[in-house]
Amino acid sequence: MSSSPTAWDVTYDLLRSLGLTTVFGNPGPTEQTLTHCAFRCRGDALPEQEREALLDTLEAWFDHGGSAERAARALYVHPNTVRQRLREVEQRTGRLVTEPRVAAELCIALETTRRAAKPEP
């Protein structure tokens, strides 16, 4: 019986598949760095009852080039709902989603969270 992959495993595999393992410096990311990155969208940072809506909103916002209006259309919500959810992510993580480095970190954390949640085939 195999164990489930850890956030470290999933994040490192994602970075390796994207050719980004050296983005955190040489010789590559540490488990502590990636765990911290993944925590942005996991653990206590986002409340469990709101997590999926917040992550879906963040993902739609990224997918639509940072446009609240286009993300709202994709999610079938009002643009102000998208803005409110993004503010909630910012408050919970203590980071501004519009800062490029923060956006990159959150994008990696989001992808890690999504991949870790998928059952293996």
N, C-alpha and C. Protein backbone atom coordinates (compact mmCIF):
# COMPACT_ATOMS: atom_id res chain seq x y z
N MET A 1 0.84 -1.17 0.00
CA MET A 1 0.00 0.00 0.00
C MET A 1 0.89 1.24 0.00
N SER A 2 0.68 2.16 -0.94
CA SER A 2 1.52 3.35 -1.03
C SER A 2 0.86 4.49 -0.25
N SER A 3 1.70 5.35 0.30
CA SER A 3 1.17 6.48 1.06
C SER A 3 0.87 7.63 0.11
N SER A 4 0.01 8.54 0.58
CA SER A 4 -0.34 9.71 -0.22
C SER A 4 0.86 10.63 -0.34
N PRO A 5 0.99 11.31 -1.47
CA PRO A 5 2.10 12.25 -1.61
C PRO A 5 1.93 13.42 -0.66
N THR A 6 3.05 13.93 -0.14
CA THR A 6 3.01 15.09 0.74
C THR A 6 2.96 16.36 -0.10
N ALA A 7 2.67 17.48 0.55
CA ALA A 7 2.70 18.77 -0.15
C ALA A 7 4.08 19.01 -0.76
N TRP A 8 5.11 18.57 -0.05
CA TRP A 8 6.49 18.68 -0.55
C TRP A 8 6.64 17.93 -1.86
N ASP A 9 6.18 16.66 -1.90
CA ASP A 9 6.31 15.83 -3.09
C ASP A 9 5.58 16.46 -4.28
N VAL A 10 4.36 16.87 -4.04
CA VAL A 10 3.54 17.42 -5.12
C VAL A 10 4.13 18.72 -5.64
N THR A 11 4.53 19.60 -4.73
CA THR A 11 5.09 20.90 -5.14
C THR A 11 6.40 20.72 -5.88
N TYR A 12 7.27 19.85 -5.37
CA TYR A 12 8.55 19.64 -6.03
C TYR A 12 8.34 19.04 -7.43
N ASP A 13 7.43 18.07 -7.54
CA ASP A 13 7.14 17.48 -8.85
C ASP A 13 6.59 18.52 -9.81
N LEU A 14 5.73 19.40 -9.31
CA LEU A 14 5.19 20.47 -10.15
C LEU A 14 6.29 21.39 -10.63
N LEU A 15 7.13 21.85 -9.71
CA LEU A 15 8.23 22.74 -10.10
C LEU A 15 9.18 22.06 -11.07
N ARG A 16 9.48 20.79 -10.84
CA ARG A 16 10.37 20.05 -11.74
C ARG A 16 9.74 19.95 -13.13
N SER A 17 8.43 19.67 -13.19
CA SER A 17 7.76 19.54 -14.50
C SER A 17 7.74 20.86 -15.25
N LEU A 18 7.79 21.96 -14.52
CA LEU A 18 7.79 23.28 -15.15
C LEU A 18 9.21 23.82 -15.37
N GLY A 19 10.21 23.03 -14.94
CA GLY A 19 11.59 23.48 -15.07
C GLY A 19 11.95 24.60 -14.12
N LEU A 20 11.29 24.64 -12.96
CA LEU A 20 11.48 25.75 -12.03
C LEU A 20 12.14 25.35 -10.71
N THR A 21 12.79 24.21 -10.67
CA THR A 21 13.36 23.78 -9.39
C THR A 21 14.47 24.69 -8.90
N THR A 22 15.08 25.47 -9.77
CA THR A 22 16.14 26.37 -9.32
C THR A 22 15.63 27.78 -9.04
N VAL A 23 14.32 28.00 -9.15
CA VAL A 23 13.76 29.33 -8.93
C VAL A 23 14.01 29.81 -7.49
N PHE A 24 14.16 28.87 -6.57
CA PHE A 24 14.41 29.23 -5.18
C PHE A 24 15.89 29.26 -4.86
N GLY A 25 16.73 29.13 -5.86
CA GLY A 25 18.17 29.15 -5.65
C GLY A 25 18.76 27.78 -5.90
N ASN A 26 20.08 27.73 -5.84
CA ASN A 26 20.79 26.49 -6.09
C ASN A 26 21.15 25.86 -4.76
N PRO A 27 20.95 24.62 -4.51
CA PRO A 27 20.68 23.53 -5.42
C PRO A 27 19.20 23.31 -5.72
N GLY A 28 18.32 24.14 -5.21
CA GLY A 28 16.89 23.98 -5.44
C GLY A 28 16.12 24.30 -4.18
N PRO A 29 14.81 24.16 -4.25
CA PRO A 29 13.99 24.51 -3.10
C PRO A 29 14.16 23.51 -1.96
N THR A 30 14.04 24.02 -0.75
CA THR A 30 14.07 23.14 0.41
C THR A 30 12.65 22.75 0.75
N GLU A 31 12.52 21.69 1.51
CA GLU A 31 11.19 21.28 1.93
C GLU A 31 10.52 22.39 2.74
N GLN A 32 11.28 23.09 3.56
CA GLN A 32 10.72 24.17 4.37
C GLN A 32 10.17 25.29 3.48
N THR A 33 10.91 25.67 2.43
CA THR A 33 10.46 26.71 1.52
C THR A 33 9.17 26.31 0.83
N LEU A 34 9.12 25.09 0.33
CA LEU A 34 7.93 24.65 -0.39
C LEU A 34 6.75 24.42 0.54
N THR A 35 7.01 23.95 1.74
CA THR A 35 5.93 23.77 2.70
C THR A 35 5.32 25.12 3.04
N HIS A 36 6.18 26.13 3.23
CA HIS A 36 5.70 27.48 3.49
C HIS A 36 4.88 28.00 2.31
N CYS A 37 5.35 27.75 1.12
CA CYS A 37 4.64 28.17 -0.10
C CYS A 37 3.28 27.49 -0.18
N ALA A 38 3.24 26.19 0.01
CA ALA A 38 1.99 25.45 -0.07
C ALA A 38 1.03 25.85 1.03
N PHE A 39 1.54 26.26 2.19
CA PHE A 39 0.69 26.64 3.32
C PHE A 39 -0.17 27.84 2.99
N ARG A 40 0.24 28.64 2.03
CA ARG A 40 -0.53 29.83 1.70
C ARG A 40 -1.99 29.50 1.35
N CYS A 41 -2.23 28.35 0.78
CA CYS A 41 -3.59 27.96 0.40
C CYS A 41 -4.07 26.75 1.18
N ARG A 42 -3.34 26.36 2.21
CA ARG A 42 -3.70 25.17 2.98
C ARG A 42 -3.69 25.52 4.46
N GLY A 43 -3.95 24.54 5.27
CA GLY A 43 -3.85 24.71 6.71
C GLY A 43 -4.79 25.78 7.23
N ASP A 44 -4.32 26.54 8.19
CA ASP A 44 -5.15 27.54 8.84
C ASP A 44 -5.24 28.84 8.05
N ALA A 45 -4.47 28.99 6.99
CA ALA A 45 -4.47 30.24 6.24
C ALA A 45 -5.85 30.56 5.67
N LEU A 46 -6.53 29.57 5.13
CA LEU A 46 -7.87 29.76 4.59
C LEU A 46 -8.84 28.85 5.35
N PRO A 47 -9.94 29.42 5.86
CA PRO A 47 -10.88 28.60 6.64
C PRO A 47 -11.51 27.51 5.78
N GLU A 48 -11.63 26.34 6.36
CA GLU A 48 -12.09 25.17 5.61
C GLU A 48 -13.44 25.39 4.92
N GLN A 49 -14.38 26.03 5.60
CA GLN A 49 -15.72 26.21 5.03
C GLN A 49 -15.73 27.18 3.85
N GLU A 50 -14.69 28.01 3.72
CA GLU A 50 -14.62 28.98 2.62
C GLU A 50 -13.53 28.63 1.61
N ARG A 51 -12.71 27.66 1.93
CA ARG A 51 -11.51 27.39 1.14
C ARG A 51 -11.79 27.17 -0.34
N GLU A 52 -12.73 26.30 -0.67
CA GLU A 52 -12.98 25.99 -2.09
C GLU A 52 -13.44 27.21 -2.87
N ALA A 53 -14.35 28.01 -2.30
CA ALA A 53 -14.82 29.21 -3.00
C ALA A 53 -13.67 30.20 -3.19
N LEU A 54 -12.82 30.34 -2.17
CA LEU A 54 -11.69 31.26 -2.28
C LEU A 54 -10.67 30.77 -3.30
N LEU A 55 -10.38 29.47 -3.28
CA LEU A 55 -9.43 28.92 -4.25
C LEU A 55 -9.98 28.96 -5.66
N ASP A 56 -11.27 28.66 -5.83
CA ASP A 56 -11.88 28.74 -7.16
C ASP A 56 -11.82 30.17 -7.69
N THR A 57 -12.05 31.14 -6.81
CA THR A 57 -12.00 32.54 -7.22
C THR A 57 -10.59 32.95 -7.59
N LEU A 58 -9.63 32.56 -6.76
CA LEU A 58 -8.23 32.88 -7.06
C LEU A 58 -7.80 32.26 -8.38
N GLU A 59 -8.17 31.02 -8.59
CA GLU A 59 -7.83 30.34 -9.84
C GLU A 59 -8.46 31.04 -11.05
N ALA A 60 -9.73 31.40 -10.95
CA ALA A 60 -10.41 32.08 -12.05
C ALA A 60 -9.78 33.44 -12.31
N TRP A 61 -9.39 34.12 -11.25
CA TRP A 61 -8.76 35.44 -11.40
C TRP A 61 -7.42 35.31 -12.12
N PHE A 62 -6.62 34.29 -11.74
CA PHE A 62 -5.36 34.03 -12.44
C PHE A 62 -5.63 33.67 -13.90
N ASP A 63 -6.59 32.77 -14.12
CA ASP A 63 -6.91 32.29 -15.48
C ASP A 63 -7.39 33.39 -16.40
N HIS A 64 -7.93 34.46 -15.82
CA HIS A 64 -8.48 35.55 -16.62
C HIS A 64 -7.66 36.83 -16.49
N GLY A 65 -6.36 36.65 -16.30
CA GLY A 65 -5.42 37.76 -16.35
C GLY A 65 -5.63 38.83 -15.29
N GLY A 66 -6.15 38.46 -14.13
CA GLY A 66 -6.36 39.42 -13.06
C GLY A 66 -7.59 40.29 -13.25
N SER A 67 -8.49 39.87 -14.12
CA SER A 67 -9.72 40.63 -14.36
C SER A 67 -10.85 40.09 -13.48
N ALA A 68 -11.32 40.93 -12.56
CA ALA A 68 -12.43 40.53 -11.69
C ALA A 68 -13.70 40.32 -12.50
N GLU A 69 -13.88 41.13 -13.52
CA GLU A 69 -15.09 41.02 -14.34
C GLU A 69 -15.13 39.69 -15.10
N ARG A 70 -14.02 39.33 -15.74
CA ARG A 70 -13.99 38.08 -16.50
C ARG A 70 -14.04 36.87 -15.57
N ALA A 71 -13.36 36.96 -14.43
CA ALA A 71 -13.42 35.87 -13.45
C ALA A 71 -14.85 35.70 -12.94
N ALA A 72 -15.53 36.81 -12.71
CA ALA A 72 -16.92 36.77 -12.22
C ALA A 72 -17.83 36.08 -13.25
N ARG A 73 -17.65 36.41 -14.51
CA ARG A 73 -18.46 35.75 -15.54
C ARG A 73 -18.22 34.25 -15.55
N ALA A 74 -16.96 33.85 -15.40
CA ALA A 74 -16.64 32.42 -15.40
C ALA A 74 -17.22 31.71 -14.18
N LEU A 75 -17.31 32.42 -13.07
CA LEU A 75 -17.81 31.83 -11.82
C LEU A 75 -19.31 32.05 -11.61
N TYR A 76 -19.93 32.83 -12.50
CA TYR A 76 -21.36 33.16 -12.38
C TYR A 76 -21.66 33.90 -11.08
N VAL A 77 -20.78 34.86 -10.76
CA VAL A 77 -20.98 35.71 -9.59
C VAL A 77 -20.77 37.16 -10.01
N HIS A 78 -21.08 38.07 -9.12
CA HIS A 78 -20.88 39.50 -9.38
C HIS A 78 -19.39 39.82 -9.23
N PRO A 79 -18.87 40.76 -10.02
CA PRO A 79 -17.46 41.14 -9.90
C PRO A 79 -17.06 41.57 -8.47
N ASN A 80 -18.01 42.20 -7.77
CA ASN A 80 -17.70 42.59 -6.39
C ASN A 80 -17.49 41.37 -5.48
N THR A 81 -18.14 40.26 -5.81
CA THR A 81 -17.93 39.03 -5.05
C THR A 81 -16.51 38.53 -5.25
N VAL A 82 -16.03 38.61 -6.48
CA VAL A 82 -14.64 38.22 -6.77
C VAL A 82 -13.69 39.11 -5.98
N ARG A 83 -13.91 40.42 -6.02
CA ARG A 83 -13.04 41.35 -5.29
C ARG A 83 -13.07 41.08 -3.78
N GLN A 84 -14.26 40.81 -3.26
CA GLN A 84 -14.39 40.53 -1.83
C GLN A 84 -13.63 39.25 -1.45
N ARG A 85 -13.75 38.22 -2.27
CA ARG A 85 -13.04 36.97 -1.99
C ARG A 85 -11.53 37.15 -2.09
N LEU A 86 -11.08 37.93 -3.05
CA LEU A 86 -9.64 38.18 -3.17
C LEU A 86 -9.12 38.96 -1.96
N ARG A 87 -9.92 39.90 -1.46
CA ARG A 87 -9.54 40.62 -0.24
C ARG A 87 -9.46 39.65 0.94
N GLU A 88 -10.37 38.68 0.98
CA GLU A 88 -10.34 37.68 2.04
C GLU A 88 -9.06 36.85 1.97
N VAL A 89 -8.67 36.45 0.76
CA VAL A 89 -7.41 35.72 0.58
C VAL A 89 -6.25 36.58 1.07
N GLU A 90 -6.25 37.85 0.71
CA GLU A 90 -5.18 38.75 1.13
C GLU A 90 -5.13 38.89 2.66
N GLN A 91 -6.29 39.04 3.26
CA GLN A 91 -6.33 39.17 4.73
C GLN A 91 -5.86 37.90 5.41
N ARG A 92 -6.28 36.76 4.89
CA ARG A 92 -5.93 35.48 5.53
C ARG A 92 -4.46 35.12 5.34
N THR A 93 -3.90 35.48 4.19
CA THR A 93 -2.50 35.13 3.92
C THR A 93 -1.54 36.25 4.30
N GLY A 94 -2.08 37.45 4.48
CA GLY A 94 -1.22 38.59 4.79
C GLY A 94 -0.41 39.08 3.61
N ARG A 95 -0.83 38.75 2.40
CA ARG A 95 -0.09 39.11 1.19
C ARG A 95 -1.05 39.70 0.15
N LEU A 96 -0.58 40.63 -0.67
CA LEU A 96 -1.38 41.23 -1.73
C LEU A 96 -1.29 40.37 -2.99
N VAL A 97 -2.44 39.92 -3.48
CA VAL A 97 -2.44 39.04 -4.65
C VAL A 97 -1.99 39.75 -5.92
N THR A 98 -1.99 41.07 -5.91
CA THR A 98 -1.57 41.83 -7.10
C THR A 98 -0.06 42.01 -7.20
N GLU A 99 0.70 41.63 -6.16
CA GLU A 99 2.16 41.70 -6.23
C GLU A 99 2.66 40.49 -7.01
N PRO A 100 3.47 40.69 -8.03
CA PRO A 100 3.89 39.58 -8.90
C PRO A 100 4.50 38.38 -8.17
N ARG A 101 5.39 38.61 -7.23
CA ARG A 101 6.01 37.47 -6.53
C ARG A 101 5.00 36.74 -5.66
N VAL A 102 4.11 37.49 -5.05
CA VAL A 102 3.06 36.86 -4.23
C VAL A 102 2.13 36.07 -5.14
N ALA A 103 1.78 36.64 -6.28
CA ALA A 103 0.91 35.94 -7.23
C ALA A 103 1.56 34.63 -7.67
N ALA A 104 2.86 34.65 -7.93
CA ALA A 104 3.56 33.43 -8.34
C ALA A 104 3.54 32.40 -7.22
N GLU A 105 3.80 32.84 -6.00
CA GLU A 105 3.78 31.94 -4.86
C GLU A 105 2.39 31.34 -4.66
N LEU A 106 1.36 32.19 -4.74
CA LEU A 106 -0.01 31.70 -4.57
C LEU A 106 -0.42 30.77 -5.70
N CYS A 107 0.06 31.05 -6.91
CA CYS A 107 -0.25 30.19 -8.04
C CYS A 107 0.35 28.80 -7.83
N ILE A 108 1.57 28.74 -7.35
CA ILE A 108 2.22 27.45 -7.06
C ILE A 108 1.48 26.75 -5.93
N ALA A 109 1.13 27.51 -4.88
CA ALA A 109 0.41 26.92 -3.76
C ALA A 109 -0.96 26.42 -4.19
N LEU A 110 -1.63 27.17 -5.04
CA LEU A 110 -2.94 26.76 -5.55
C LEU A 110 -2.82 25.46 -6.35
N GLU A 111 -1.85 25.42 -7.25
CA GLU A 111 -1.66 24.22 -8.07
C GLU A 111 -1.28 23.02 -7.21
N THR A 112 -0.45 23.25 -6.21
CA THR A 112 -0.06 22.19 -5.29
C THR A 112 -1.28 21.65 -4.56
N THR A 113 -2.10 22.56 -4.08
CA THR A 113 -3.32 22.18 -3.36
C THR A 113 -4.24 21.37 -4.25
N ARG A 114 -4.41 21.81 -5.47
CA ARG A 114 -5.29 21.10 -6.41
C ARG A 114 -4.74 19.71 -6.74
N ARG A 115 -3.44 19.63 -7.00
CA ARG A 115 -2.83 18.33 -7.36
C ARG A 115 -2.83 17.37 -6.18
N ALA A 116 -2.59 17.88 -4.98
CA ALA A 116 -2.56 17.03 -3.79
C ALA A 116 -3.94 16.47 -3.49
N ALA A 117 -4.98 17.20 -3.88
CA ALA A 117 -6.35 16.77 -3.59
C ALA A 117 -6.85 15.71 -4.58
N LYS A 118 -6.21 15.61 -5.74
CA LYS A 118 -6.65 14.64 -6.76
C LYS A 118 -6.17 13.24 -6.38
N PRO A 119 -7.08 12.27 -6.44
CA PRO A 119 -6.64 10.89 -6.18
C PRO A 119 -5.77 10.39 -7.33
N GLU A 120 -4.80 9.56 -6.97
CA GLU A 120 -3.91 9.00 -8.01
C GLU A 120 -4.66 7.96 -8.80
N PRO A 121 -4.39 7.86 -10.13
CA PRO A 121 -5.08 6.86 -10.96
C PRO A 121 -4.67 5.44 -10.62
